């Protein structure tokens, strides 16, 4: 087999779809087939077909509100709460002081020059590390 045969085989493979390839699925679930509907769905579909108001399809919930949606409260991560408390604690006060000074220095540079010559990443990580170290024992005590 020569290189020309190889290239023509590759070209033929990628340029023409195979005749035995499966066609992509079309359509979706059919509401016209009786097997797809339960008894309650059949009744609602009949009511909707009779009332044909504006061409909209589907079931509208009843106005009475037998089933009210319960609003779920977002759960608060205890780790975040404990770390926030620790950042303000006496234990992390030196790290927080250095971070706050750096933030003030950098924002002053941005206000004056339009750009900063430094960032506060190192100070931030020191503060985050302190808060994590402080919060970890309290967190694991809560989880037990």
N, C-alpha and C. Protein backbone atom coordinates (compact mmCIF):
# COMPACT_ATOMS: atom_id res chain seq x y z
N UNK A 1 0.85 -1.16 0.00
CA UNK A 1 0.00 0.00 0.00
C UNK A 1 0.89 1.23 0.00
N UNK A 2 0.66 2.10 -0.95
CA UNK A 2 1.48 3.29 -1.08
C UNK A 2 0.92 4.44 -0.28
N UNK A 3 1.67 5.49 -0.25
CA UNK A 3 1.25 6.67 0.50
C UNK A 3 0.02 7.30 -0.11
N UNK A 4 -0.13 7.21 -1.42
CA UNK A 4 -1.31 7.76 -2.09
C UNK A 4 -2.55 7.00 -1.66
N UNK A 5 -2.45 5.66 -1.56
CA UNK A 5 -3.59 4.85 -1.11
C UNK A 5 -3.94 5.20 0.35
N UNK A 6 -2.94 5.39 1.17
CA UNK A 6 -3.17 5.73 2.57
C UNK A 6 -3.89 7.06 2.68
N UNK A 7 -3.42 8.06 1.95
CA UNK A 7 -4.05 9.37 2.00
C UNK A 7 -5.47 9.33 1.46
N UNK A 8 -5.72 8.57 0.42
CA UNK A 8 -7.09 8.49 -0.11
C UNK A 8 -8.01 7.77 0.86
N UNK A 9 -7.48 6.75 1.55
CA UNK A 9 -8.30 6.08 2.57
C UNK A 9 -8.64 7.02 3.73
N UNK A 10 -7.66 7.79 4.17
CA UNK A 10 -7.90 8.75 5.25
C UNK A 10 -8.90 9.80 4.80
N UNK A 11 -8.70 10.30 3.57
CA UNK A 11 -9.62 11.30 3.05
C UNK A 11 -11.03 10.73 2.93
N UNK A 12 -11.16 9.53 2.46
CA UNK A 12 -12.47 8.90 2.32
C UNK A 12 -13.14 8.66 3.66
N UNK A 13 -12.36 8.34 4.66
CA UNK A 13 -12.92 8.10 5.99
C UNK A 13 -13.51 9.36 6.58
N UNK A 14 -12.83 10.47 6.43
CA UNK A 14 -13.28 11.70 7.07
C UNK A 14 -14.18 12.55 6.21
N UNK A 15 -14.22 12.34 4.92
CA UNK A 15 -15.00 13.22 4.06
C UNK A 15 -16.43 12.72 3.83
N UNK A 16 -16.68 11.44 3.92
CA UNK A 16 -18.02 10.92 3.64
C UNK A 16 -18.54 10.18 4.86
N UNK A 17 -19.77 10.48 5.25
CA UNK A 17 -20.32 9.71 6.37
C UNK A 17 -20.59 8.27 5.94
N UNK A 18 -20.40 7.38 6.87
CA UNK A 18 -20.63 5.97 6.55
C UNK A 18 -22.12 5.73 6.35
N UNK A 19 -22.49 4.91 5.34
CA UNK A 19 -23.91 4.68 5.07
C UNK A 19 -24.60 3.93 6.20
N UNK A 20 -23.85 3.20 7.00
CA UNK A 20 -24.47 2.45 8.07
C UNK A 20 -24.46 3.21 9.41
N UNK A 21 -24.10 4.50 9.38
CA UNK A 21 -24.09 5.29 10.61
C UNK A 21 -25.51 5.53 11.07
N UNK A 22 -25.68 5.57 12.38
CA UNK A 22 -27.01 5.79 12.93
C UNK A 22 -27.39 7.25 12.78
N UNK A 23 -28.66 7.45 12.48
CA UNK A 23 -29.18 8.80 12.39
C UNK A 23 -29.36 9.34 13.81
N UNK A 24 -29.18 10.63 14.01
CA UNK A 24 -29.39 11.20 15.34
C UNK A 24 -30.85 11.06 15.75
N UNK A 25 -31.10 10.84 17.02
CA UNK A 25 -32.48 10.71 17.46
C UNK A 25 -33.24 12.00 17.24
N UNK A 26 -34.46 11.88 16.82
CA UNK A 26 -35.28 13.05 16.58
C UNK A 26 -36.49 13.00 17.49
N UNK A 27 -37.07 14.16 17.67
CA UNK A 27 -38.27 14.23 18.48
C UNK A 27 -37.96 14.15 19.95
N UNK A 28 -38.91 13.72 20.71
CA UNK A 28 -38.76 13.61 22.15
C UNK A 28 -39.85 12.70 22.65
N UNK A 29 -40.24 12.90 23.87
CA UNK A 29 -41.33 12.07 24.39
C UNK A 29 -42.64 12.57 23.78
N UNK A 30 -43.44 11.68 23.39
CA UNK A 30 -44.70 12.02 22.76
C UNK A 30 -45.81 12.06 23.79
N UNK A 31 -46.59 13.14 23.76
CA UNK A 31 -47.74 13.21 24.66
C UNK A 31 -48.99 12.68 24.00
N UNK A 32 -48.87 12.35 22.71
CA UNK A 32 -50.04 11.85 22.03
C UNK A 32 -50.23 10.35 22.24
N UNK A 33 -49.20 9.65 22.68
CA UNK A 33 -49.35 8.22 22.90
C UNK A 33 -49.94 7.98 24.28
N UNK A 34 -50.93 7.11 24.37
CA UNK A 34 -51.57 6.86 25.64
C UNK A 34 -50.63 6.23 26.67
N UNK A 35 -49.59 5.56 26.23
CA UNK A 35 -48.69 4.91 27.18
C UNK A 35 -47.87 5.94 27.95
N UNK A 36 -47.74 7.15 27.41
CA UNK A 36 -46.92 8.16 28.05
C UNK A 36 -47.68 8.95 29.12
N UNK A 37 -48.97 8.73 29.27
CA UNK A 37 -49.78 9.51 30.20
C UNK A 37 -50.35 8.65 31.30
N UNK A 38 -50.40 9.21 32.49
CA UNK A 38 -51.09 8.52 33.58
C UNK A 38 -52.55 8.97 33.56
N UNK A 39 -53.35 8.42 34.43
CA UNK A 39 -54.77 8.77 34.46
C UNK A 39 -55.01 10.24 34.74
N UNK A 40 -54.28 10.80 35.72
CA UNK A 40 -54.46 12.21 36.05
C UNK A 40 -54.00 13.09 34.90
N UNK A 41 -52.92 12.69 34.22
CA UNK A 41 -52.43 13.47 33.10
C UNK A 41 -53.43 13.47 31.95
N UNK A 42 -54.08 12.33 31.73
CA UNK A 42 -55.07 12.26 30.66
C UNK A 42 -56.20 13.26 30.91
N UNK A 43 -56.67 13.31 32.17
CA UNK A 43 -57.77 14.23 32.49
C UNK A 43 -57.34 15.68 32.29
N UNK A 44 -56.16 16.02 32.76
CA UNK A 44 -55.67 17.39 32.61
C UNK A 44 -55.48 17.75 31.14
N UNK A 45 -54.97 16.82 30.35
CA UNK A 45 -54.77 17.08 28.93
C UNK A 45 -56.10 17.26 28.22
N UNK A 46 -57.13 16.50 28.62
CA UNK A 46 -58.46 16.67 28.02
C UNK A 46 -59.02 18.04 28.37
N UNK A 47 -58.84 18.46 29.64
CA UNK A 47 -59.34 19.78 30.05
C UNK A 47 -58.62 20.88 29.28
N UNK A 48 -57.31 20.72 29.13
CA UNK A 48 -56.54 21.72 28.40
C UNK A 48 -56.96 21.78 26.93
N UNK A 49 -57.24 20.64 26.34
CA UNK A 49 -57.64 20.61 24.94
C UNK A 49 -58.99 21.29 24.76
N UNK A 50 -59.90 21.09 25.70
CA UNK A 50 -61.22 21.70 25.60
C UNK A 50 -61.16 23.22 25.81
N UNK A 51 -60.33 23.66 26.77
CA UNK A 51 -60.32 25.08 27.13
C UNK A 51 -59.43 25.92 26.22
N UNK A 52 -58.64 25.35 25.36
CA UNK A 52 -57.74 26.00 24.40
C UNK A 52 -57.79 27.52 24.46
N UNK A 53 -57.08 28.09 25.43
CA UNK A 53 -57.08 29.54 25.60
C UNK A 53 -55.74 30.13 25.19
N UNK A 54 -55.67 30.61 23.97
CA UNK A 54 -54.47 31.28 23.51
C UNK A 54 -53.41 30.35 22.95
N UNK A 55 -53.66 29.09 22.83
CA UNK A 55 -52.71 28.19 22.22
C UNK A 55 -51.61 27.72 23.15
N UNK A 56 -51.62 28.11 24.42
CA UNK A 56 -50.59 27.65 25.33
C UNK A 56 -50.89 26.22 25.76
N UNK A 57 -49.85 25.45 25.87
CA UNK A 57 -50.02 24.06 26.26
C UNK A 57 -49.47 23.85 27.65
N UNK A 58 -49.89 22.78 28.26
CA UNK A 58 -49.35 22.41 29.57
C UNK A 58 -50.36 22.63 30.66
N UNK A 59 -50.03 22.16 31.82
CA UNK A 59 -50.91 22.24 32.97
C UNK A 59 -50.55 23.47 33.79
N UNK A 60 -51.56 24.22 34.14
CA UNK A 60 -51.34 25.37 35.01
C UNK A 60 -51.68 24.96 36.43
N UNK A 61 -50.85 25.34 37.39
CA UNK A 61 -51.15 24.98 38.77
C UNK A 61 -52.41 25.66 39.24
N UNK A 62 -53.08 25.01 40.15
CA UNK A 62 -54.33 25.55 40.67
C UNK A 62 -54.04 26.82 41.46
N UNK A 63 -55.02 27.73 41.48
CA UNK A 63 -54.85 29.00 42.16
C UNK A 63 -54.91 28.85 43.67
N UNK A 64 -55.52 27.79 44.18
CA UNK A 64 -55.72 27.60 45.61
C UNK A 64 -54.43 27.51 46.38
N UNK A 65 -53.43 26.91 45.82
CA UNK A 65 -52.14 26.83 46.49
C UNK A 65 -52.09 25.76 47.56
N UNK A 66 -52.62 24.56 47.25
CA UNK A 66 -52.55 23.46 48.22
C UNK A 66 -51.10 23.15 48.55
N UNK A 67 -50.25 23.24 47.55
CA UNK A 67 -48.84 22.94 47.76
C UNK A 67 -48.04 24.23 47.65
N UNK A 68 -47.68 24.80 48.79
CA UNK A 68 -46.87 26.01 48.77
C UNK A 68 -45.41 25.61 48.77
N UNK A 69 -44.64 26.33 47.98
CA UNK A 69 -43.23 26.03 47.95
C UNK A 69 -42.59 26.53 49.23
N UNK A 70 -41.85 25.65 49.87
CA UNK A 70 -41.16 26.04 51.08
C UNK A 70 -39.82 26.64 50.70
N UNK A 71 -39.55 27.79 51.28
CA UNK A 71 -38.27 28.43 51.00
C UNK A 71 -37.22 27.77 51.88
N UNK A 72 -36.20 27.25 51.22
CA UNK A 72 -35.13 26.60 51.96
C UNK A 72 -34.13 27.65 52.42
N UNK A 73 -33.76 27.59 53.69
CA UNK A 73 -32.76 28.50 54.19
C UNK A 73 -31.40 28.00 53.77
N UNK A 74 -30.56 28.94 53.37
CA UNK A 74 -29.21 28.55 52.99
C UNK A 74 -28.44 28.17 54.23
N UNK A 75 -27.74 27.07 54.15
CA UNK A 75 -26.94 26.65 55.28
C UNK A 75 -25.65 27.47 55.30
N UNK A 76 -25.25 27.84 56.48
CA UNK A 76 -24.04 28.63 56.65
C UNK A 76 -22.91 27.69 57.03
N UNK A 77 -21.81 27.81 56.33
CA UNK A 77 -20.66 26.97 56.60
C UNK A 77 -20.03 27.41 57.92
N UNK A 78 -19.96 26.51 58.91
CA UNK A 78 -19.38 26.91 60.19
C UNK A 78 -17.91 27.28 60.08
N UNK A 79 -17.22 26.74 59.09
CA UNK A 79 -15.80 27.07 58.90
C UNK A 79 -15.64 28.56 58.60
N UNK A 80 -16.48 29.08 57.70
CA UNK A 80 -16.39 30.50 57.35
C UNK A 80 -16.69 31.38 58.56
N UNK A 81 -17.70 31.01 59.34
CA UNK A 81 -18.06 31.78 60.52
C UNK A 81 -16.92 31.78 61.53
N UNK A 82 -16.36 30.60 61.79
CA UNK A 82 -15.26 30.52 62.75
C UNK A 82 -14.03 31.27 62.27
N UNK A 83 -13.72 31.20 60.98
CA UNK A 83 -12.55 31.92 60.46
C UNK A 83 -12.75 33.43 60.56
N UNK A 84 -13.97 33.91 60.30
CA UNK A 84 -14.23 35.34 60.42
C UNK A 84 -14.04 35.80 61.87
N UNK A 85 -14.51 34.99 62.81
CA UNK A 85 -14.32 35.32 64.22
C UNK A 85 -12.83 35.32 64.58
N UNK A 86 -12.11 34.34 64.07
CA UNK A 86 -10.68 34.24 64.38
C UNK A 86 -9.87 35.39 63.78
N UNK A 87 -10.28 35.89 62.61
CA UNK A 87 -9.56 37.02 62.01
C UNK A 87 -9.62 38.25 62.91
N UNK A 88 -10.71 38.37 63.65
CA UNK A 88 -10.88 39.51 64.54
C UNK A 88 -10.33 39.23 65.94
N UNK A 89 -9.91 38.01 66.20
CA UNK A 89 -9.45 37.65 67.55
C UNK A 89 -8.09 38.24 67.86
N UNK A 90 -7.73 38.19 69.13
CA UNK A 90 -6.45 38.71 69.60
C UNK A 90 -5.29 37.91 69.01
N UNK A 91 -5.54 36.62 68.78
CA UNK A 91 -4.50 35.72 68.26
C UNK A 91 -4.03 36.14 66.86
N UNK A 92 -4.95 36.58 66.01
CA UNK A 92 -4.60 36.94 64.63
C UNK A 92 -4.46 38.45 64.43
N UNK A 93 -4.47 39.20 65.51
CA UNK A 93 -4.40 40.66 65.39
C UNK A 93 -3.13 41.15 64.69
N UNK A 94 -1.93 40.58 64.96
CA UNK A 94 -0.75 41.07 64.24
C UNK A 94 -0.83 40.85 62.72
N UNK A 95 -1.31 39.69 62.31
CA UNK A 95 -1.44 39.40 60.88
C UNK A 95 -2.48 40.32 60.24
N UNK A 96 -3.57 40.55 60.93
CA UNK A 96 -4.61 41.43 60.40
C UNK A 96 -4.09 42.86 60.30
N UNK A 97 -3.31 43.29 61.29
CA UNK A 97 -2.75 44.64 61.28
C UNK A 97 -1.83 44.82 60.06
N UNK A 98 -0.96 43.86 59.80
CA UNK A 98 -0.06 43.95 58.65
C UNK A 98 -0.85 43.95 57.34
N UNK A 99 -1.89 43.14 57.27
CA UNK A 99 -2.71 43.09 56.06
C UNK A 99 -3.43 44.42 55.85
N UNK A 100 -4.02 44.97 56.90
CA UNK A 100 -4.74 46.24 56.77
C UNK A 100 -3.79 47.37 56.38
N UNK A 101 -2.59 47.38 56.94
CA UNK A 101 -1.61 48.40 56.56
C UNK A 101 -1.23 48.27 55.08
N UNK A 102 -1.05 47.05 54.63
CA UNK A 102 -0.69 46.82 53.23
C UNK A 102 -1.82 47.28 52.31
N UNK A 103 -3.06 46.96 52.68
CA UNK A 103 -4.21 47.36 51.86
C UNK A 103 -4.28 48.88 51.77
N UNK A 104 -4.07 49.56 52.89
CA UNK A 104 -4.08 51.02 52.88
C UNK A 104 -2.96 51.57 51.99
N UNK A 105 -1.79 50.98 52.07
CA UNK A 105 -0.65 51.42 51.28
C UNK A 105 -0.92 51.23 49.78
N UNK A 106 -1.45 50.08 49.42
CA UNK A 106 -1.71 49.77 48.01
C UNK A 106 -2.83 50.63 47.46
N UNK A 107 -3.91 50.81 48.21
CA UNK A 107 -4.99 51.67 47.71
C UNK A 107 -4.52 53.11 47.57
N UNK A 108 -3.63 53.56 48.47
CA UNK A 108 -3.05 54.90 48.33
C UNK A 108 -2.22 55.02 47.07
N UNK A 109 -1.45 53.99 46.75
CA UNK A 109 -0.65 54.01 45.52
C UNK A 109 -1.54 54.05 44.29
N UNK A 110 -2.63 53.30 44.33
CA UNK A 110 -3.55 53.27 43.18
C UNK A 110 -4.21 54.63 43.02
N UNK A 111 -4.60 55.26 44.14
CA UNK A 111 -5.24 56.57 44.06
C UNK A 111 -4.27 57.62 43.52
N UNK A 112 -3.01 57.56 43.93
CA UNK A 112 -2.03 58.57 43.52
C UNK A 112 -1.48 58.33 42.12
N UNK A 113 -1.03 57.10 41.86
CA UNK A 113 -0.33 56.80 40.61
C UNK A 113 -1.18 56.08 39.57
N UNK A 114 -2.31 55.57 39.97
CA UNK A 114 -3.14 54.81 39.04
C UNK A 114 -2.76 53.34 38.99
N UNK A 115 -1.67 52.96 39.65
CA UNK A 115 -1.26 51.57 39.71
C UNK A 115 -0.48 51.37 40.99
N UNK A 116 -0.34 50.11 41.38
CA UNK A 116 0.37 49.78 42.61
C UNK A 116 1.67 49.06 42.27
N UNK A 117 2.68 49.32 43.07
CA UNK A 117 3.97 48.67 42.84
C UNK A 117 4.10 47.38 43.64
N UNK A 118 3.09 47.06 44.44
CA UNK A 118 3.11 45.83 45.24
C UNK A 118 1.69 45.30 45.38
N UNK A 119 1.60 44.12 45.94
CA UNK A 119 0.29 43.56 46.28
C UNK A 119 0.35 43.03 47.70
N UNK A 120 -0.78 42.59 48.21
CA UNK A 120 -0.87 42.16 49.61
C UNK A 120 -1.09 40.65 49.71
N UNK A 121 -0.63 39.92 48.73
CA UNK A 121 -0.87 38.48 48.72
C UNK A 121 -0.21 37.80 49.91
N UNK A 122 1.03 38.15 50.18
CA UNK A 122 1.74 37.50 51.29
C UNK A 122 1.04 37.78 52.62
N UNK A 123 0.65 39.03 52.84
CA UNK A 123 -0.05 39.39 54.08
C UNK A 123 -1.39 38.69 54.18
N UNK A 124 -2.08 38.59 53.02
CA UNK A 124 -3.37 37.90 53.02
C UNK A 124 -3.21 36.44 53.42
N UNK A 125 -2.20 35.77 52.87
CA UNK A 125 -2.00 34.36 53.19
C UNK A 125 -1.60 34.17 54.66
N UNK A 126 -0.84 35.10 55.21
CA UNK A 126 -0.50 35.01 56.63
C UNK A 126 -1.77 35.12 57.48
N UNK A 127 -2.65 36.06 57.12
CA UNK A 127 -3.90 36.22 57.86
C UNK A 127 -4.80 34.99 57.68
N UNK A 128 -4.91 34.48 56.47
CA UNK A 128 -5.74 33.29 56.22
C UNK A 128 -5.20 32.09 56.97
N UNK A 129 -3.89 31.93 57.00
CA UNK A 129 -3.28 30.82 57.72
C UNK A 129 -3.57 30.92 59.22
N UNK A 130 -3.42 32.11 59.76
CA UNK A 130 -3.71 32.30 61.18
C UNK A 130 -5.17 31.99 61.49
N UNK A 131 -6.08 32.48 60.65
CA UNK A 131 -7.51 32.23 60.88
C UNK A 131 -7.83 30.74 60.77
N UNK A 132 -7.22 30.06 59.83
CA UNK A 132 -7.45 28.62 59.68
C UNK A 132 -6.91 27.84 60.87
N UNK A 133 -5.71 28.21 61.32
CA UNK A 133 -5.12 27.53 62.48
C UNK A 133 -5.96 27.75 63.73
N UNK A 134 -6.51 28.92 63.86
CA UNK A 134 -7.35 29.24 65.02
C UNK A 134 -8.69 28.51 64.94
N UNK A 135 -9.28 28.43 63.75
CA UNK A 135 -10.62 27.88 63.60
C UNK A 135 -10.65 26.36 63.56
N UNK A 136 -9.57 25.70 63.17
CA UNK A 136 -9.57 24.25 62.98
C UNK A 136 -9.97 23.48 64.24
N UNK A 137 -9.37 23.73 65.40
CA UNK A 137 -9.78 22.95 66.58
C UNK A 137 -11.24 23.18 66.95
N UNK A 138 -11.71 24.41 66.79
CA UNK A 138 -13.11 24.72 67.11
C UNK A 138 -14.05 24.01 66.14
N UNK A 139 -13.66 23.98 64.88
CA UNK A 139 -14.48 23.34 63.86
C UNK A 139 -14.60 21.85 64.10
N UNK A 140 -13.47 21.18 64.36
CA UNK A 140 -13.51 19.73 64.56
C UNK A 140 -14.21 19.38 65.85
N UNK A 141 -14.18 20.25 66.85
CA UNK A 141 -14.94 20.02 68.08
C UNK A 141 -16.44 20.06 67.79
N UNK A 142 -16.86 20.94 66.87
CA UNK A 142 -18.29 21.02 66.50
C UNK A 142 -18.72 19.80 65.69
N UNK A 143 -17.83 19.27 64.87
CA UNK A 143 -18.18 18.17 63.98
C UNK A 143 -18.27 16.83 64.69
N UNK A 144 -17.65 16.68 65.84
CA UNK A 144 -17.66 15.39 66.55
C UNK A 144 -19.00 15.03 67.06
